């Protein structure tokens, strides 16, 4: 921890360095294993070579036993090559370095002069009368020195190989991580620009696709958040715009009532005006709530029959508008996947618009399905919609010049919104009944 009390975070190791370290560790394991194996093999090979020399010496002594037996004491010095001849366990002749009596075979012994490699062999005399053993021994110091030198060369070569592997790992690691470095630069750009060209590394391509998918999801979430904020702002602005007038009227009426200077008939008129303003506020709030629900709707659709929804809307319209005849044409099912409550809301508003503002007495609803579109038509015998206003009337708070009753101007906006949510559109044409034809298209 530093003097300021702030812990310094260690700088992370680069991927290139990790590749080099991994290469070095891999080379270390391989070199270590091979080095240990070669070191043991060299030691064993040199020892076997010394054993072969001892075997050759014992055979020479055996072949020239009579001559060597008389002159063996003259060979070598103490601490040098040693040979000893015994008959029936009795010492007959020996070099200055005497080899102790041991069973037949190879072994390593320690004498006062140092460590020796020893071979005891059995050799019968020419007449075969006595049991003769020949013991030969040679110092292991020379062999040990040669072995250590060879082993040192093996380990030195291994260290050079590890260093070379590390350097190559660093060099080739840079090339290996180059796609990731390029991808990092693309992601770090503002805005991120990730190209579709393959990088040559499967992992890098998979990471690129994963990052692109993540960025797409983030962008979609940002768009949804922005849309939600715009919806909230629009809802607040729409509510303030539409409710300001009736609330002002209601406040004026309440002030007039509070003055106490009105007669019975005048009080009744003011109360009726208050009731109408209250109903207008209630209807506007309901329409705004439905509109906001449509703006925020992101749920999956459900299988439905459009004619069933139309039948429900027609039955409800018979209670709300008893003076209007509403008929659903068609006996075939018109299936689709969609937002059932939204479609019902659109049909309710279409019927209400024709009945209230179009002064219709007869309304006919029909639906048909093509390959990928469901088309619903709502025909009426009312006053129709001016061709110059057939686009404008679908805007929020827009009302046609032919409207005969006050309203919020949100009914047809709800119809258009529902069509757009289903990948379609809404528009007006002339009706064969003499009024207006509202066409609502839904993506099936």
Foldseek 3Di string as FASTA:
>chain_A
DDPVPDDDDDDDDDQLLVLLVVLLVVLCVVLVVVLVVVLVVLLVVLVVVVVVVQVVVVVVCLVVVVVCLVVVQVDDAALFKKKWKDWPNHTRHIYNHYDDDDDAAWDWDADPSGIKIKGKDWHADPVRPTTMIMMIIGHCPVSVVVSVVVSVVSVVVSVVVSVVSSVVSSVVSCVVCVLVVVQVVQVPDVPRDQDPDDPPDPVSNVVSVVVVVVVVVVVVVVVLVVLLVVLVVVLVVLLCVLLVVLVVLLVVLVVVVVVPPDDPVVPVVSVVSNVVSVVQNVQLVVLSVLVSCLSNDDDWWAKDWLLVLQVVLQVVVCVVPVQAHEEEDDDDTDIDTGDSVLSSLLSNLVVCCCVQFQVFRYWYWYWDDDDFKIKIKIDTLGAAADPVCFVVLLDFQDDGPSGDDDHRSRNSVSNQSRLVVQVHGWTWDAHPSNYIMIMRMGGD
